[in-house]
Amino acid sequence: MEISLEQAIEIHAKALKKRHKNHAPHEAREHAQRLKDVNDHHGHHVWIKVAAVAEQMLVEEAWEHKGED
């Protein structure tokens, strides 16, 4: 089974969110920076996307909970 890069990004974002909760985007950005520090520019770009997806997931989750009030 092959998955796309976008699917992999979403999977990693979900896993980070589950493990690190609200700190998921921060963790992804730290990982991105470590990759940039070793000149892995593609990896850096991908992990910046992971951070953005994790952040969006947190925003959507907050809106869902706000609707429950």
C-alpha atoms as a PDB file:
ATOM      1  CA  MET A   1       0.000   0.000   0.000  1.00  0.00           C
ATOM      2  CA  GLU A   2       1.400   3.358  -1.019  1.00  0.00           C
ATOM      3  CA  ILE A   3       0.427   6.636   0.596  1.00  0.00           C
ATOM      4  CA  SER A   4       0.904  10.149  -0.699  1.00  0.00           C
ATOM      5  CA  LEU A   5       3.104  12.736   0.950  1.00  0.00           C
ATOM      6  CA  GLU A   6      -0.002  14.691   1.967  1.00  0.00           C
ATOM      7  CA  GLN A   7      -1.427  11.572   3.657  1.00  0.00           C
ATOM      8  CA  ALA A   8       1.875  10.990   5.460  1.00  0.00           C
ATOM      9  CA  ILE A   9       1.882  14.592   6.653  1.00  0.00           C
ATOM     10  CA  GLU A  10      -1.635  14.186   8.035  1.00  0.00           C
ATOM     11  CA  ILE A  11      -0.725  10.899   9.743  1.00  0.00           C
ATOM     12  CA  HIS A  12       2.312  12.491  11.420  1.00  0.00           C
ATOM     13  CA  ALA A  13       0.281  15.524  12.486  1.00  0.00           C
ATOM     14  CA  LYS A  14      -2.381  13.289  14.066  1.00  0.00           C
ATOM     15  CA  ALA A  15       0.253  11.230  15.873  1.00  0.00           C
ATOM     16  CA  LEU A  16       1.975  14.356  17.212  1.00  0.00           C
ATOM     17  CA  LYS A  17      -1.352  15.800  18.331  1.00  0.00           C
ATOM     18  CA  LYS A  18      -2.198  12.599  20.166  1.00  0.00           C
ATOM     19  CA  ARG A  19       1.213  12.451  21.834  1.00  0.00           C
ATOM     20  CA  HIS A  20       1.924  16.130  22.503  1.00  0.00           C
ATOM     21  CA  LYS A  21      -1.577  17.679  22.541  1.00  0.00           C
ATOM     22  CA  ASN A  22      -1.355  21.487  22.159  1.00  0.00           C
ATOM     23  CA  HIS A  23       2.435  21.307  21.822  1.00  0.00           C
ATOM     24  CA  ALA A  24       2.251  19.280  18.578  1.00  0.00           C
ATOM     25  CA  PRO A  25       2.912  22.216  16.225  1.00  0.00           C
ATOM     26  CA  HIS A  26       5.871  23.307  18.352  1.00  0.00           C
ATOM     27  CA  GLU A  27       7.326  19.788  18.309  1.00  0.00           C
ATOM     28  CA  ALA A  28       6.963  19.625  14.521  1.00  0.00           C
ATOM     29  CA  ARG A  29       8.652  23.023  14.094  1.00  0.00           C
ATOM     30  CA  GLU A  30      11.532  21.932  16.337  1.00  0.00           C
ATOM     31  CA  HIS A  31      11.970  18.811  14.218  1.00  0.00           C
ATOM     32  CA  ALA A  32      11.852  20.964  11.077  1.00  0.00           C
ATOM     33  CA  GLN A  33      14.571  23.203  12.482  1.00  0.00           C
ATOM     34  CA  ARG A  34      16.802  20.227  13.285  1.00  0.00           C
ATOM     35  CA  LEU A  35      16.437  19.086   9.673  1.00  0.00           C
ATOM     36  CA  LYS A  36      17.230  22.562   8.374  1.00  0.00           C
ATOM     37  CA  ASP A  37      20.320  22.663  10.596  1.00  0.00           C
ATOM     38  CA  VAL A  38      21.675  19.610   8.743  1.00  0.00           C
ATOM     39  CA  ASN A  39      20.737  21.090   5.343  1.00  0.00           C
ATOM     40  CA  ASP A  40      17.763  18.780   4.768  1.00  0.00           C
ATOM     41  CA  HIS A  41      15.639  21.428   3.116  1.00  0.00           C
ATOM     42  CA  HIS A  42      13.031  19.005   1.772  1.00  0.00           C
ATOM     43  CA  GLY A  43      12.580  17.460   5.223  1.00  0.00           C
ATOM     44  CA  HIS A  44      12.353  20.925   6.744  1.00  0.00           C
ATOM     45  CA  HIS A  45       9.629  21.910   4.285  1.00  0.00           C
ATOM     46  CA  VAL A  46       7.662  18.719   4.973  1.00  0.00           C
ATOM     47  CA  TRP A  47       7.800  19.171   8.754  1.00  0.00           C
ATOM     48  CA  ILE A  48       6.697  22.788   8.457  1.00  0.00           C
ATOM     49  CA  LYS A  49       3.626  21.370   6.683  1.00  0.00           C
ATOM     50  CA  VAL A  50       3.178  18.840   9.512  1.00  0.00           C
ATOM     51  CA  ALA A  51       3.204  21.743  11.993  1.00  0.00           C
ATOM     52  CA  ALA A  52       0.612  23.650   9.953  1.00  0.00           C
ATOM     53  CA  VAL A  53      -1.682  20.617   9.721  1.00  0.00           C
ATOM     54  CA  ALA A  54      -1.346  19.923  13.458  1.00  0.00           C
ATOM     55  CA  GLU A  55      -2.157  23.552  14.174  1.00  0.00           C
ATOM     56  CA  GLN A  56      -5.222  23.408  11.936  1.00  0.00           C
ATOM     57  CA  MET A  57      -6.382  20.229  13.682  1.00  0.00           C
ATOM     58  CA  LEU A  58      -6.127  21.978  17.046  1.00  0.00           C
ATOM     59  CA  VAL A  59      -8.113  24.967  15.757  1.00  0.00           C
ATOM     60  CA  GLU A  60     -10.825  22.707  14.362  1.00  0.00           C
ATOM     61  CA  GLU A  61     -10.950  20.744  17.610  1.00  0.00           C
ATOM     62  CA  ALA A  62     -11.309  23.967  19.606  1.00  0.00           C
ATOM     63  CA  TRP A  63     -14.191  25.086  17.353  1.00  0.00           C
ATOM     64  CA  GLU A  64     -15.897  21.711  17.799  1.00  0.00           C
ATOM     65  CA  HIS A  65     -15.660  21.994  21.587  1.00  0.00           C
ATOM     66  CA  LYS A  66     -16.842  25.589  21.479  1.00  0.00           C
ATOM     67  CA  GLY A  67     -19.969  24.405  19.679  1.00  0.00           C
ATOM     68  CA  GLU A  68     -20.665  21.981  22.536  1.00  0.00           C
ATOM     69  CA  ASP A  69     -21.035  24.834  25.035  1.00  0.00           C
END
